């Protein structure tokens, strides 16, 4: 993917969302200073790269200028909201004729939790709507076959809150005898998961968890740690969650499946789909 002109106003919207998440900031002058810094980054944006590159630079600036992570509180809160739903969601998986399919659908449904795009989310109603919708790109038959053929699976996580939905799928994979390594970010960016979220949601008690050594939006492999790059190369199967990972890894030669919702017009247009479409798409 490349950065489209339509991405530019989205960069500004993301900046405003981040500033509004930071409850400690009540300084219009400082907000304006941050916005001017973001505009300077946008002027130098490499439009030949995926939008995730510029977004990474923007959120580094925001965190540096604020001196902390503006999404810390909302991440913690939505992890707890999702954990409250976990027993009910687990029952849904157990009740299905095909638990792997139900867990995969729930993982895609959970991708609606994205505070880089939305300012608030009703998880229960959003998930109910997602479960009732059809999967626009449905490569589940290939996904199921790949899962059965693979022993070593690398699972690239996306957002806080959503991690609880990923836990359901990872638990199902583990029950099939698969060794799953879940990957979190090396440090905060947007509402992406870090080790703290894996501990809070007890994912670290379900599977191995490693960080990728990066604060990039998505997975920009050349910016990740040698340890992650080794794990990425050796994985028999990569399960990639979220739009940012799709932006940065689409076209990979790895056996990979992308599970996400297409939440912006640019990505939807690239895919030839309507915004809000659900995807279980093979690489």
Foldseek 3Di string as FASTA:
>chain_A
DFADPVCVVLLVVLLVLLVVLQVVDDDPVLSVVLSVVLVVLVVVDDRRAFPLVSLLVSQVSVCVSVVHGSCVVVLLVLLVVLLVCLVVLLVQLVPDPHSLVSLLQLLQLLQVPFSSRDNDDDSVVSSVVSVPDDFPADPVVVVVVLLVVFQEEEEEFFFRSSVSSVLSNLLVSVVVNHAYEYEFAPDEDGRTDDVVSCVSNVVVVRHHYDYQCHHTQAPQPVRGDPVVVVSVVPGQEYEYEDDSNCSRCPPPPHFYWYWYFQADPVVCVVVVHDHRHTHGGTD
